[in-house]
Amino acid sequence: MRQYLALTKPRVVQLIVFCAVIGMLLAEPGWPPLHLAVPATIGIWLVASAAAAFNCLVEQAIDSKMARTAWRPTARGELSTRQALLFSGVLCGLGSALLYWWVNPLTMWLTFATFVGYAVIYTVVLKPMTPQNIVIGGASGAMPPVLGWAALRNDVGPEALVLCLIIFLWTPPHFWALALYRVEDYRRSGLPMLPVTHGSDFTRLNVLLYTLVLFAATLLPFIIGMSGWVYLACAVVLGVWFIAYGWMLWRNYSDALARKTFRFSIWHLSLLFAALLVDHYLLPWL
């Protein structure tokens, strides 16, 4: 059971589900109806876990060459290809059925499209082909708020697309910070990650530039009237902090600083969406 659980990449999926739940909460002025929110959360969690398991299956040879991923059950040969494929298929089928029958078909198809985008288009096609893999493939990783919104509203509103844009722009500096201090892992794996193909200096400059563009995107919820001053204050503080990390990383690189930048990026997205949620429920009382 521990091996199967490891295939689902629990920490990654936890952030995905968190962002989907944020989308659900923001879709309603009050507390979302549990008869939709609960099955939607479980369904999205199951399909996201299925995509993670399929990713482990496809990349088992690459994972075995990287210190960060060599412990995965597929990389170690503890689970066979058949076992991993069956596990992924069952999770995807259960999650899709739950979303279709208990939530709405739109959410099911959007979630399934996200599965295909991540597990097939990103993992199989883009990742081994281009150093811009994480940028293009980031569209799939940015979808959770849209899925949560669609589950409650049965449509895709502009507010959900703004949240999607924020995650899309957050993904490159988040992932490239990791790739910078894991560059030897990626070089051994043969994957054309940006630090491998274009070097550390170019990658660090791109991290800084993306933090600047991301900062502008995080102001959009306030600009379109989706949030108030509480969120704006948090967005400015978190955005300037992230830019400061990007600047320091560009000007005075170290592996330790890259690790700190990567860890902060996770806190940045989590606290940003938490602030949006606080503002959403606090604003009507102000």
Protein backbone atom coordinates (compact mmCIF):
# COMPACT_ATOMS: atom_id res chain seq x y z
CA MET A 1 0.00 0.00 0.00
CA ARG A 2 2.87 2.36 0.75
CA GLN A 3 4.30 1.70 -2.71
CA TYR A 4 1.00 2.45 -4.43
CA LEU A 5 0.58 5.59 -2.32
CA ALA A 6 4.06 6.75 -3.32
CA LEU A 7 3.05 6.50 -7.00
CA THR A 8 0.39 9.15 -6.45
CA LYS A 9 2.97 11.79 -5.41
CA PRO A 10 0.91 12.84 -2.34
CA ARG A 11 2.65 16.19 -1.77
CA VAL A 12 2.15 17.32 -5.36
CA VAL A 13 -1.46 16.11 -5.45
CA GLN A 14 -2.13 17.82 -2.12
CA LEU A 15 -1.30 21.20 -3.68
CA ILE A 16 -3.43 20.37 -6.75
CA VAL A 17 -6.45 19.50 -4.62
CA PHE A 18 -5.89 22.59 -2.47
CA CYS A 19 -6.03 24.82 -5.56
CA ALA A 20 -9.14 23.00 -6.82
CA VAL A 21 -10.88 23.52 -3.48
CA ILE A 22 -9.96 27.22 -3.62
CA GLY A 23 -11.70 27.35 -6.99
CA MET A 24 -14.81 25.77 -5.47
CA LEU A 25 -14.88 28.14 -2.51
CA LEU A 26 -14.43 31.21 -4.68
CA ALA A 27 -17.18 30.09 -7.06
CA GLU A 28 -19.86 30.65 -4.42
CA PRO A 29 -20.54 33.75 -2.28
CA GLY A 30 -21.17 31.52 0.73
CA TRP A 31 -20.22 28.00 1.74
CA PRO A 32 -20.33 25.65 -1.29
CA PRO A 33 -22.92 22.84 -1.27
CA LEU A 34 -21.28 19.71 0.13
CA HIS A 35 -23.19 17.40 -2.20
CA LEU A 36 -21.09 18.88 -5.03
CA ALA A 37 -17.90 19.93 -3.25
CA VAL A 38 -17.16 16.57 -1.61
CA PRO A 39 -17.47 14.31 -4.68
CA ALA A 40 -15.69 16.96 -6.80
CA THR A 41 -12.74 17.03 -4.38
CA ILE A 42 -12.52 13.24 -4.26
CA GLY A 43 -12.89 12.89 -8.03
CA ILE A 44 -10.20 15.47 -8.80
CA TRP A 45 -7.91 13.86 -6.21
CA LEU A 46 -8.37 10.42 -7.81
CA VAL A 47 -7.70 11.60 -11.37
CA ALA A 48 -4.71 13.71 -10.28
CA SER A 49 -3.32 10.67 -8.46
CA ALA A 50 -3.87 8.58 -11.58
CA ALA A 51 -1.90 11.11 -13.66
CA ALA A 52 0.95 11.05 -11.12
CA ALA A 53 1.05 7.24 -11.20
CA PHE A 54 1.10 7.21 -15.00
CA ASN A 55 3.93 9.76 -14.93
CA CYS A 56 5.95 7.46 -12.65
CA LEU A 57 5.31 4.57 -15.04
CA VAL A 58 6.42 6.45 -18.16
CA GLU A 59 9.50 7.92 -16.49
CA GLN A 60 10.68 4.87 -14.55
CA ALA A 61 13.95 4.67 -16.54
CA ILE A 62 14.60 8.40 -16.10
CA ASP A 63 13.63 8.30 -12.40
CA SER A 64 16.15 5.53 -11.74
CA LYS A 65 18.98 7.86 -12.84
CA MET A 66 18.00 10.78 -10.60
CA ALA A 67 18.69 10.95 -6.86
CA ARG A 68 15.46 12.91 -6.31
CA THR A 69 13.28 10.17 -7.84
CA ALA A 70 15.29 6.94 -7.64
CA TRP A 71 13.29 5.84 -4.57
CA ARG A 72 9.99 5.61 -6.48
CA PRO A 73 8.55 2.06 -6.60
CA THR A 74 8.52 1.94 -10.41
CA ALA A 75 12.13 3.16 -10.60
CA ARG A 76 13.19 0.49 -8.07
CA GLY A 77 11.21 -2.24 -9.82
CA GLU A 78 9.04 -2.84 -6.75
CA LEU A 79 5.89 -2.45 -8.85
CA SER A 80 5.60 -3.84 -12.36
CA THR A 81 4.46 -1.92 -15.41
CA ARG A 82 1.20 -3.84 -15.38
CA GLN A 83 0.53 -3.07 -11.73
CA ALA A 84 1.24 0.65 -12.14
CA LEU A 85 -0.83 0.90 -15.34
CA LEU A 86 -3.78 -0.94 -13.80
CA PHE A 87 -3.60 1.21 -10.67
CA SER A 88 -3.54 4.42 -12.73
CA GLY A 89 -6.43 3.22 -14.90
CA VAL A 90 -8.60 2.28 -11.94
CA LEU A 91 -8.03 5.62 -10.20
CA CYS A 92 -8.76 7.56 -13.40
CA GLY A 93 -11.89 5.54 -14.10
CA LEU A 94 -13.27 5.89 -10.58
CA GLY A 95 -12.52 9.61 -10.44
CA SER A 96 -14.02 10.28 -13.86
CA ALA A 97 -17.19 8.32 -13.07
CA LEU A 98 -17.59 10.17 -9.79
CA LEU A 99 -17.21 13.54 -11.49
CA TYR A 100 -19.57 12.66 -14.35
CA TRP A 101 -22.43 11.24 -12.30
CA TRP A 102 -22.14 13.18 -9.03
CA VAL A 103 -20.84 16.56 -10.21
CA ASN A 104 -21.28 17.41 -13.91
CA PRO A 105 -19.92 16.21 -17.28
CA LEU A 106 -18.04 19.48 -17.89
CA THR A 107 -15.86 18.95 -14.82
CA MET A 108 -15.23 15.35 -15.79
CA TRP A 109 -14.09 16.25 -19.31
CA LEU A 110 -11.93 19.14 -18.11
CA THR A 111 -10.32 16.90 -15.49
CA PHE A 112 -9.75 14.12 -18.02
CA ALA A 113 -8.25 16.64 -20.47
CA THR A 114 -5.90 17.74 -17.68
CA PHE A 115 -4.92 14.09 -17.15
CA VAL A 116 -4.11 13.71 -20.84
CA GLY A 117 -2.28 17.04 -20.90
CA TYR A 118 -0.02 16.12 -17.99
CA ALA A 119 0.39 12.36 -18.31
CA VAL A 120 0.64 12.16 -22.10
CA ILE A 121 1.33 15.52 -23.79
CA TYR A 122 3.73 16.84 -21.13
CA THR A 123 5.32 13.62 -19.88
CA VAL A 124 5.58 11.67 -23.13
CA VAL A 125 5.92 14.42 -25.75
CA LEU A 126 7.09 17.76 -24.36
CA LYS A 127 9.37 16.86 -21.47
CA PRO A 128 11.96 14.91 -23.51
CA MET A 129 11.69 17.22 -26.53
CA THR A 130 12.07 20.87 -25.49
CA PRO A 131 13.61 22.93 -22.65
CA GLN A 132 10.35 24.90 -22.63
CA ASN A 133 8.54 21.74 -21.52
CA ILE A 134 7.60 23.10 -18.11
CA VAL A 135 6.25 26.32 -19.63
CA ILE A 136 4.00 24.64 -22.20
CA GLY A 137 3.10 21.73 -19.93
CA GLY A 138 2.35 24.16 -17.13
CA ALA A 139 -1.08 24.71 -18.67
CA SER A 140 -2.20 21.33 -17.32
CA GLY A 141 -0.82 22.03 -13.86
CA ALA A 142 -2.64 25.37 -13.82
CA MET A 143 -6.08 23.82 -14.32
CA PRO A 144 -7.14 22.85 -10.74
CA PRO A 145 -8.92 26.15 -9.88
CA VAL A 146 -10.81 25.90 -13.18
CA LEU A 147 -11.88 22.36 -12.29
CA GLY A 148 -13.08 23.47 -8.87
CA TRP A 149 -14.95 26.43 -10.34
CA ALA A 150 -16.59 24.26 -13.02
CA ALA A 151 -17.68 21.74 -10.40
CA LEU A 152 -19.76 24.38 -8.62
CA ARG A 153 -20.81 26.65 -11.49
CA ASN A 154 -20.90 24.19 -14.41
CA ASP A 155 -19.05 26.77 -16.50
CA VAL A 156 -15.60 28.36 -16.81
CA GLY A 157 -15.69 31.98 -15.67
CA PRO A 158 -13.06 34.71 -16.12
CA GLU A 159 -12.23 34.55 -12.41
CA ALA A 160 -11.23 30.90 -12.77
CA LEU A 161 -9.08 31.74 -15.80
CA VAL A 162 -7.27 34.42 -13.79
CA LEU A 163 -6.40 31.84 -11.14
CA CYS A 164 -5.27 29.50 -13.91
CA LEU A 165 -3.02 32.24 -15.33
CA ILE A 166 -1.42 32.84 -11.94
CA ILE A 167 -0.47 29.17 -11.53
CA PHE A 168 0.68 29.00 -15.17
CA LEU A 169 3.13 31.88 -14.61
CA TRP A 170 4.14 30.59 -11.17
CA THR A 171 5.19 27.16 -12.47
CA PRO A 172 8.40 28.09 -14.40
CA PRO A 173 10.19 29.97 -11.58
CA HIS A 174 9.04 27.32 -9.12
CA PHE A 175 10.31 24.39 -11.18
CA TRP A 176 13.45 26.03 -12.59
CA ALA A 177 14.60 26.86 -9.06
CA LEU A 178 14.48 23.12 -8.39
CA ALA A 179 16.17 22.31 -11.70
CA LEU A 180 19.04 24.67 -10.92
CA TYR A 181 20.25 22.77 -7.88
CA ARG A 182 19.31 19.40 -9.41
CA VAL A 183 20.98 20.13 -12.73
CA GLU A 184 23.34 17.13 -12.56
CA ASP A 185 20.35 14.84 -12.02
CA TYR A 186 18.70 16.16 -15.15
CA ARG A 187 21.95 15.99 -17.12
CA ARG A 188 22.30 12.29 -16.24
CA SER A 189 18.67 11.66 -17.14
CA GLY A 190 19.10 13.14 -20.62
CA LEU A 191 16.12 15.48 -20.24
CA PRO A 192 16.56 18.86 -21.97
CA MET A 193 15.82 21.00 -18.94
CA LEU A 194 16.66 24.69 -19.27
CA PRO A 195 19.73 24.69 -16.94
CA VAL A 196 21.15 21.78 -18.95
CA THR A 197 20.53 23.20 -22.43
CA HIS A 198 21.04 26.94 -21.81
CA GLY A 199 23.08 27.09 -18.63
CA SER A 200 22.60 28.48 -15.14
CA ASP A 201 22.86 32.20 -15.99
CA PHE A 202 20.12 32.10 -18.62
CA THR A 203 17.84 30.02 -16.37
CA ARG A 204 18.30 32.38 -13.41
CA LEU A 205 17.47 35.38 -15.60
CA ASN A 206 14.29 33.62 -16.71
CA VAL A 207 13.36 32.90 -13.10
CA LEU A 208 13.66 36.61 -12.31
CA LEU A 209 11.67 37.67 -15.38
CA TYR A 210 8.87 35.22 -14.59
CA THR A 211 8.60 36.48 -11.01
CA LEU A 212 8.05 39.98 -12.43
CA VAL A 213 5.34 38.84 -14.85
CA LEU A 214 3.80 36.68 -12.11
CA PHE A 215 3.64 39.69 -9.80
CA ALA A 216 1.59 41.59 -12.41
CA ALA A 217 -0.75 38.62 -12.83
CA THR A 218 -1.35 38.32 -9.09
CA LEU A 219 -2.78 41.86 -9.11
CA LEU A 220 -5.55 40.87 -11.55
CA PRO A 221 -7.98 39.51 -8.92
CA PHE A 222 -8.02 42.96 -7.31
CA ILE A 223 -8.21 44.77 -10.65
CA ILE A 224 -11.26 42.83 -11.87
CA GLY A 225 -13.04 43.18 -8.52
CA MET A 226 -12.61 39.56 -7.51
CA SER A 227 -10.87 40.52 -4.25
CA GLY A 228 -10.30 43.44 -1.93
CA TRP A 229 -7.49 45.21 -0.11
CA VAL A 230 -6.59 42.29 2.16
CA TYR A 231 -5.65 40.14 -0.80
CA LEU A 232 -3.90 43.03 -2.56
CA ALA A 233 -1.66 43.69 0.44
CA CYS A 234 -0.73 40.01 0.69
CA ALA A 235 -0.14 39.75 -3.07
CA VAL A 236 2.20 42.74 -3.05
CA VAL A 237 4.23 41.47 -0.08
CA LEU A 238 4.49 37.92 -1.42
CA GLY A 239 5.23 39.14 -4.93
CA VAL A 240 8.02 41.49 -3.87
CA TRP A 241 9.45 38.72 -1.70
CA PHE A 242 9.48 36.29 -4.63
CA ILE A 243 11.08 38.92 -6.89
CA ALA A 244 13.75 39.48 -4.23
CA TYR A 245 14.53 35.75 -4.28
CA GLY A 246 14.69 35.86 -8.07
CA TRP A 247 17.04 38.87 -7.98
CA MET A 248 19.36 37.27 -5.41
CA LEU A 249 19.35 34.02 -7.37
CA TRP A 250 20.33 35.89 -10.54
CA ARG A 251 23.05 38.02 -8.95
CA ASN A 252 24.60 35.67 -6.41
CA TYR A 253 23.73 32.03 -7.09
CA SER A 254 24.16 29.15 -4.67
CA ASP A 255 22.46 25.76 -4.42
CA ALA A 256 21.27 26.68 -0.93
CA LEU A 257 19.60 29.84 -2.25
CA ALA A 258 17.97 27.87 -5.08
CA ARG A 259 16.54 25.46 -2.50
CA LYS A 260 15.19 28.37 -0.45
CA THR A 261 13.65 29.88 -3.59
CA PHE A 262 11.97 26.60 -4.48
CA ARG A 263 10.57 26.17 -0.97
CA PHE A 264 9.40 29.76 -0.81
CA SER A 265 7.61 29.38 -4.15
CA ILE A 266 5.37 26.72 -2.58
CA TRP A 267 4.58 29.02 0.33
CA HIS A 268 4.02 31.87 -2.11
CA LEU A 269 1.23 30.09 -4.01
CA SER A 270 -0.34 28.59 -0.88
CA LEU A 271 -0.42 31.88 1.04
CA LEU A 272 -1.55 33.83 -2.03
CA PHE A 273 -4.60 31.61 -2.51
CA ALA A 274 -5.25 31.50 1.23
CA ALA A 275 -5.29 35.31 1.25
CA LEU A 276 -7.71 35.29 -1.67
CA LEU A 277 -9.94 32.95 0.28
CA VAL A 278 -9.80 35.06 3.46
CA ASP A 279 -10.60 38.15 1.43
CA HIS A 280 -13.51 36.37 -0.28
CA TYR A 281 -15.23 35.60 3.01
CA LEU A 282 -14.08 38.74 4.84
CA LEU A 283 -15.08 41.28 2.18
CA PRO A 284 -18.88 41.00 2.68
CA TRP A 285 -18.42 41.92 6.35
CA LEU A 286 -16.37 45.06 5.67
